Amino acid sequence: MRREEKLRETMLRYLEGSLPAEEVEKLNQAVEYDWAARREMAELMLQETLLCRVGQETEFFELDAPKVKVERKTTSRYNT
């Protein structure tokens, strides 16, 4: 596994809350000294926040089909 992939996996485990304390310290150092890692972590944190908000919003909205039936009249292009 490449370093970037391993670091991303570590970040995801951190966001899930399943990263052991000793690995959290390593992640802190990586984010502190590597601007690309810092940016990646910020993007993942933002994505997590937005997904949580979307999940909360769907609790309030029904996504079922509308209950009002719309009747459509068919018309003929040519009068016969």
Protein backbone atom coordinates (compact mmCIF):
# COMPACT_ATOMS: atom_id res chain seq x y z
CA MET A 1 0.00 0.00 0.00
CA ARG A 2 1.36 3.40 -0.95
CA ARG A 3 2.06 5.99 1.71
CA GLU A 4 -0.77 8.26 0.52
CA GLU A 5 -3.28 5.41 0.61
CA LYS A 6 -2.19 4.38 4.08
CA LEU A 7 -2.40 7.97 5.31
CA ARG A 8 -5.91 8.37 3.86
CA GLU A 9 -6.99 5.12 5.53
CA THR A 10 -5.60 6.42 8.82
CA MET A 11 -7.54 9.67 8.38
CA LEU A 12 -10.76 7.78 7.73
CA ARG A 13 -10.22 5.61 10.80
CA TYR A 14 -9.64 8.78 12.82
CA LEU A 15 -12.93 10.27 11.59
CA GLU A 16 -14.71 7.01 12.47
CA GLY A 17 -13.24 7.16 15.96
CA SER A 18 -11.43 3.84 15.61
CA LEU A 19 -7.83 5.07 15.49
CA PRO A 20 -5.68 4.12 18.51
CA ALA A 21 -4.09 6.97 20.47
CA GLU A 22 -0.53 6.18 19.35
CA GLU A 23 -1.59 6.40 15.71
CA VAL A 24 -3.43 9.68 16.36
CA GLU A 25 -0.11 11.21 17.36
CA LYS A 26 1.49 10.04 14.10
CA LEU A 27 -1.45 11.48 12.15
CA ASN A 28 -1.07 14.80 13.98
CA GLN A 29 2.58 14.97 12.96
CA ALA A 30 1.81 14.10 9.35
CA VAL A 31 -0.88 16.78 9.14
CA GLU A 32 1.32 19.33 10.87
CA TYR A 33 4.32 18.94 8.57
CA ASP A 34 2.80 17.87 5.24
CA TRP A 35 0.60 20.47 3.52
CA ALA A 36 -0.93 17.84 1.19
CA ALA A 37 -1.91 15.70 4.18
CA ARG A 38 -3.31 18.76 5.94
CA ARG A 39 -5.40 19.62 2.88
CA GLU A 40 -6.62 16.01 2.52
CA MET A 41 -7.65 15.92 6.18
CA ALA A 42 -9.49 19.22 5.87
CA GLU A 43 -11.35 17.98 2.79
CA LEU A 44 -12.37 14.76 4.53
CA MET A 45 -13.55 16.64 7.60
CA LEU A 46 -15.60 19.00 5.46
CA GLN A 47 -17.08 16.11 3.51
CA GLU A 48 -18.04 14.33 6.74
CA THR A 49 -19.71 17.48 8.06
CA LEU A 50 -21.70 18.02 4.88
CA LEU A 51 -22.80 14.38 4.73
CA CYS A 52 -23.99 14.55 8.33
CA ARG A 53 -26.02 17.66 7.54
CA VAL A 54 -27.58 16.03 4.49
CA GLY A 55 -28.44 13.00 6.60
CA GLN A 56 -30.13 15.19 9.20
CA GLU A 57 -32.11 17.06 6.56
CA THR A 58 -33.53 13.88 5.04
CA GLU A 59 -35.05 13.04 8.42
CA PHE A 60 -37.42 15.99 7.96
CA PHE A 61 -38.35 15.52 4.32
CA GLU A 62 -40.48 12.81 2.84
CA LEU A 63 -39.04 11.51 -0.36
CA ASP A 64 -42.20 9.66 -1.36
CA ALA A 65 -44.06 10.35 -4.57
CA PRO A 66 -46.47 13.31 -4.43
CA LYS A 67 -49.94 12.39 -3.18
CA VAL A 68 -51.74 14.80 -5.49
CA LYS A 69 -52.72 13.19 -8.75
CA VAL A 70 -52.22 15.39 -11.78
CA GLU A 71 -54.65 14.79 -14.61
CA ARG A 72 -53.40 15.51 -18.06
CA LYS A 73 -55.61 16.16 -21.00
CA THR A 74 -54.47 14.75 -24.27
CA THR A 75 -55.02 16.87 -27.29
CA SER A 76 -54.86 16.01 -30.89
CA ARG A 77 -52.68 17.99 -33.21
CA TYR A 78 -55.13 17.54 -36.00
CA ASN A 79 -58.87 17.92 -35.71
CA THR A 80 -60.65 15.09 -37.47
